[in-house]
Amino acid sequence: MARTRNVRYYEGTVEDITERKRVEEELRRAKTAAEEASRSKSQFLANMSHELRTPLNAIIGYSELMREEAEDLDQQSFVRDEEVESAGKHLLELINGVLDIAKIEAGKMETHAETLT
């Protein structure tokens, strides 16, 4: 036969966690917003890099053709002045770097192991 006991008193604490739950929800929303902003930034950088690279490659290509034509015509003053081609290649390296960063942030950078000697 089970015995029942009468409870004479109860002791405990009550704590209002409403504020803590509100802050946790606020942090969750802020984290979600930050992640979305990061994805948008990475997508923007990738798109802009591609949009900049296309005309830049054309500029570099035309500057190379002009340099080669000047060499054929023995225009030494133009041949020595390779600023457009050099600046274009430098700018292309910078844009490629930005594109690489965007790929890394988006988790789309492909890697492959190579042996270095």
C-alpha atoms as a PDB file:
ATOM      1  CA  MET A   1       0.000   0.000   0.000  1.00  0.00           C
ATOM      2  CA  ALA A   2       1.380   3.426  -1.002  1.00  0.00           C
ATOM      3  CA  ARG A   3       1.714   6.037   1.605  1.00  0.00           C
ATOM      4  CA  THR A   4       0.949   9.636   0.797  1.00  0.00           C
ATOM      5  CA  ARG A   5       2.502  12.499   2.600  1.00  0.00           C
ATOM      6  CA  ASN A   6       0.957  15.855   3.142  1.00  0.00           C
ATOM      7  CA  VAL A   7       3.092  18.722   1.915  1.00  0.00           C
ATOM      8  CA  ARG A   8       3.279  21.331   4.617  1.00  0.00           C
ATOM      9  CA  TYR A   9       5.252  23.971   2.774  1.00  0.00           C
ATOM     10  CA  TYR A  10       7.010  24.563  -0.571  1.00  0.00           C
ATOM     11  CA  GLU A  11      10.208  26.486  -1.031  1.00  0.00           C
ATOM     12  CA  GLY A  12      11.564  27.749  -4.349  1.00  0.00           C
ATOM     13  CA  THR A  13      12.432  30.760  -6.441  1.00  0.00           C
ATOM     14  CA  VAL A  14      10.758  32.387  -9.363  1.00  0.00           C
ATOM     15  CA  GLU A  15      12.713  34.393 -11.873  1.00  0.00           C
ATOM     16  CA  ASP A  16      11.297  36.412 -14.738  1.00  0.00           C
ATOM     17  CA  ILE A  17      13.333  35.496 -17.862  1.00  0.00           C
ATOM     18  CA  THR A  18      11.255  37.575 -20.259  1.00  0.00           C
ATOM     19  CA  GLU A  19      14.049  40.099 -20.825  1.00  0.00           C
ATOM     20  CA  ARG A  20      16.661  37.372 -21.385  1.00  0.00           C
ATOM     21  CA  LYS A  21      14.427  35.660 -23.967  1.00  0.00           C
ATOM     22  CA  ARG A  22      13.800  38.994 -25.707  1.00  0.00           C
ATOM     23  CA  VAL A  23      17.553  39.662 -25.924  1.00  0.00           C
ATOM     24  CA  GLU A  24      18.218  36.128 -27.217  1.00  0.00           C
ATOM     25  CA  GLU A  25      15.621  36.619 -29.961  1.00  0.00           C
ATOM     26  CA  GLU A  26      17.092  40.002 -30.817  1.00  0.00           C
ATOM     27  CA  LEU A  27      20.576  38.472 -31.102  1.00  0.00           C
ATOM     28  CA  ARG A  28      19.261  35.662 -33.296  1.00  0.00           C
ATOM     29  CA  ARG A  29      17.631  38.178 -35.631  1.00  0.00           C
ATOM     30  CA  ALA A  30      20.778  40.330 -35.730  1.00  0.00           C
ATOM     31  CA  LYS A  31      22.901  37.267 -36.563  1.00  0.00           C
ATOM     32  CA  THR A  32      20.544  36.286 -39.369  1.00  0.00           C
ATOM     33  CA  ALA A  33      20.589  39.832 -40.754  1.00  0.00           C
ATOM     34  CA  ALA A  34      24.406  39.969 -40.606  1.00  0.00           C
ATOM     35  CA  GLU A  35      24.716  36.648 -42.428  1.00  0.00           C
ATOM     36  CA  GLU A  36      22.317  37.839 -45.145  1.00  0.00           C
ATOM     37  CA  ALA A  37      24.244  41.114 -45.485  1.00  0.00           C
ATOM     38  CA  SER A  38      27.492  39.170 -45.826  1.00  0.00           C
ATOM     39  CA  ARG A  39      25.998  36.960 -48.554  1.00  0.00           C
ATOM     40  CA  SER A  40      24.685  40.029 -50.383  1.00  0.00           C
ATOM     41  CA  LYS A  41      28.083  41.737 -50.154  1.00  0.00           C
ATOM     42  CA  SER A  42      29.865  38.672 -51.489  1.00  0.00           C
ATOM     43  CA  GLN A  43      27.389  38.362 -54.376  1.00  0.00           C
ATOM     44  CA  PHE A  44      27.771  42.064 -55.168  1.00  0.00           C
ATOM     45  CA  LEU A  45      31.581  41.807 -55.164  1.00  0.00           C
ATOM     46  CA  ALA A  46      31.490  38.759 -57.417  1.00  0.00           C
ATOM     47  CA  ASN A  47      29.107  40.435 -59.876  1.00  0.00           C
ATOM     48  CA  MET A  48      31.046  43.698 -59.916  1.00  0.00           C
ATOM     49  CA  SER A  49      34.338  41.906 -60.387  1.00  0.00           C
ATOM     50  CA  HIS A  50      32.998  40.071 -63.419  1.00  0.00           C
ATOM     51  CA  GLU A  51      31.460  43.258 -64.830  1.00  0.00           C
ATOM     52  CA  LEU A  52      34.765  45.101 -64.440  1.00  0.00           C
ATOM     53  CA  ARG A  53      36.962  42.320 -65.764  1.00  0.00           C
ATOM     54  CA  THR A  54      35.244  42.049 -69.144  1.00  0.00           C
ATOM     55  CA  PRO A  55      35.902  45.619 -70.361  1.00  0.00           C
ATOM     56  CA  LEU A  56      39.270  45.683 -68.623  1.00  0.00           C
ATOM     57  CA  ASN A  57      40.384  42.607 -70.554  1.00  0.00           C
ATOM     58  CA  ALA A  58      39.350  44.392 -73.754  1.00  0.00           C
ATOM     59  CA  ILE A  59      41.393  47.477 -72.780  1.00  0.00           C
ATOM     60  CA  ILE A  60      44.436  45.328 -72.014  1.00  0.00           C
ATOM     61  CA  GLY A  61      43.999  43.436 -75.267  1.00  0.00           C
ATOM     62  CA  TYR A  62      43.767  46.604 -77.333  1.00  0.00           C
ATOM     63  CA  SER A  63      46.766  48.136 -75.567  1.00  0.00           C
ATOM     64  CA  GLU A  64      48.776  44.989 -76.370  1.00  0.00           C
ATOM     65  CA  LEU A  65      47.711  45.220 -80.018  1.00  0.00           C
ATOM     66  CA  MET A  66      48.693  48.894 -80.138  1.00  0.00           C
ATOM     67  CA  ARG A  67      52.087  48.115 -78.587  1.00  0.00           C
ATOM     68  CA  GLU A  68      52.697  45.308 -81.085  1.00  0.00           C
ATOM     69  CA  GLU A  69      51.636  47.570 -83.967  1.00  0.00           C
ATOM     70  CA  ALA A  70      53.962  50.305 -82.710  1.00  0.00           C
ATOM     71  CA  GLU A  71      56.805  47.783 -82.556  1.00  0.00           C
ATOM     72  CA  ASP A  72      56.097  46.756 -86.134  1.00  0.00           C
ATOM     73  CA  LEU A  73      56.119  50.423 -87.211  1.00  0.00           C
ATOM     74  CA  ASP A  74      59.283  51.054 -85.182  1.00  0.00           C
ATOM     75  CA  GLN A  75      57.603  53.675 -83.000  1.00  0.00           C
ATOM     76  CA  GLN A  76      59.960  53.346 -80.051  1.00  0.00           C
ATOM     77  CA  SER A  77      58.405  56.198 -78.058  1.00  0.00           C
ATOM     78  CA  PHE A  78      55.101  54.361 -77.928  1.00  0.00           C
ATOM     79  CA  VAL A  79      56.693  50.970 -77.300  1.00  0.00           C
ATOM     80  CA  ARG A  80      58.457  52.276 -74.183  1.00  0.00           C
ATOM     81  CA  ASP A  81      55.245  53.847 -72.859  1.00  0.00           C
ATOM     82  CA  GLU A  82      53.381  50.777 -71.653  1.00  0.00           C
ATOM     83  CA  GLU A  83      51.498  52.550 -68.846  1.00  0.00           C
ATOM     84  CA  VAL A  84      48.015  51.642 -70.096  1.00  0.00           C
ATOM     85  CA  GLU A  85      48.849  47.977 -70.430  1.00  0.00           C
ATOM     86  CA  SER A  86      50.733  47.889 -67.122  1.00  0.00           C
ATOM     87  CA  ALA A  87      47.996  49.770 -65.230  1.00  0.00           C
ATOM     88  CA  GLY A  88      45.339  47.565 -66.775  1.00  0.00           C
ATOM     89  CA  LYS A  89      47.125  44.394 -65.722  1.00  0.00           C
ATOM     90  CA  HIS A  90      47.618  45.752 -62.200  1.00  0.00           C
ATOM     91  CA  LEU A  91      43.946  46.669 -61.951  1.00  0.00           C
ATOM     92  CA  LEU A  92      42.998  43.223 -63.229  1.00  0.00           C
ATOM     93  CA  GLU A  93      45.113  41.627 -60.479  1.00  0.00           C
ATOM     94  CA  LEU A  94      43.298  43.735 -57.878  1.00  0.00           C
ATOM     95  CA  ILE A  95      39.892  42.797 -59.272  1.00  0.00           C
ATOM     96  CA  ASN A  96      40.854  39.128 -59.345  1.00  0.00           C
ATOM     97  CA  GLY A  97      41.881  39.439 -55.688  1.00  0.00           C
ATOM     98  CA  VAL A  98      38.492  40.919 -54.797  1.00  0.00           C
ATOM     99  CA  LEU A  99      36.779  38.141 -56.720  1.00  0.00           C
ATOM    100  CA  ASP A 100      38.840  35.534 -54.849  1.00  0.00           C
ATOM    101  CA  ILE A 101      37.864  37.064 -51.507  1.00  0.00           C
ATOM    102  CA  ALA A 102      34.201  37.020 -52.527  1.00  0.00           C
ATOM    103  CA  LYS A 103      34.538  33.356 -53.514  1.00  0.00           C
ATOM    104  CA  ILE A 104      36.190  32.474 -50.210  1.00  0.00           C
ATOM    105  CA  GLU A 105      33.477  34.264 -48.237  1.00  0.00           C
ATOM    106  CA  ALA A 106      30.766  32.548 -50.265  1.00  0.00           C
ATOM    107  CA  GLY A 107      32.427  29.160 -49.726  1.00  0.00           C
ATOM    108  CA  LYS A 108      32.895  28.679 -53.478  1.00  0.00           C
ATOM    109  CA  MET A 109      36.680  28.822 -53.707  1.00  0.00           C
ATOM    110  CA  GLU A 110      38.040  25.632 -55.214  1.00  0.00           C
ATOM    111  CA  THR A 111      41.308  24.414 -53.786  1.00  0.00           C
ATOM    112  CA  HIS A 112      43.702  21.737 -54.916  1.00  0.00           C
ATOM    113  CA  ALA A 113      46.889  20.529 -53.350  1.00  0.00           C
ATOM    114  CA  GLU A 114      50.202  21.007 -55.126  1.00  0.00           C
ATOM    115  CA  THR A 115      53.681  19.947 -54.205  1.00  0.00           C
ATOM    116  CA  LEU A 116      56.065  22.847 -53.796  1.00  0.00           C
ATOM    117  CA  THR A 117      59.767  22.367 -54.332  1.00  0.00           C
END
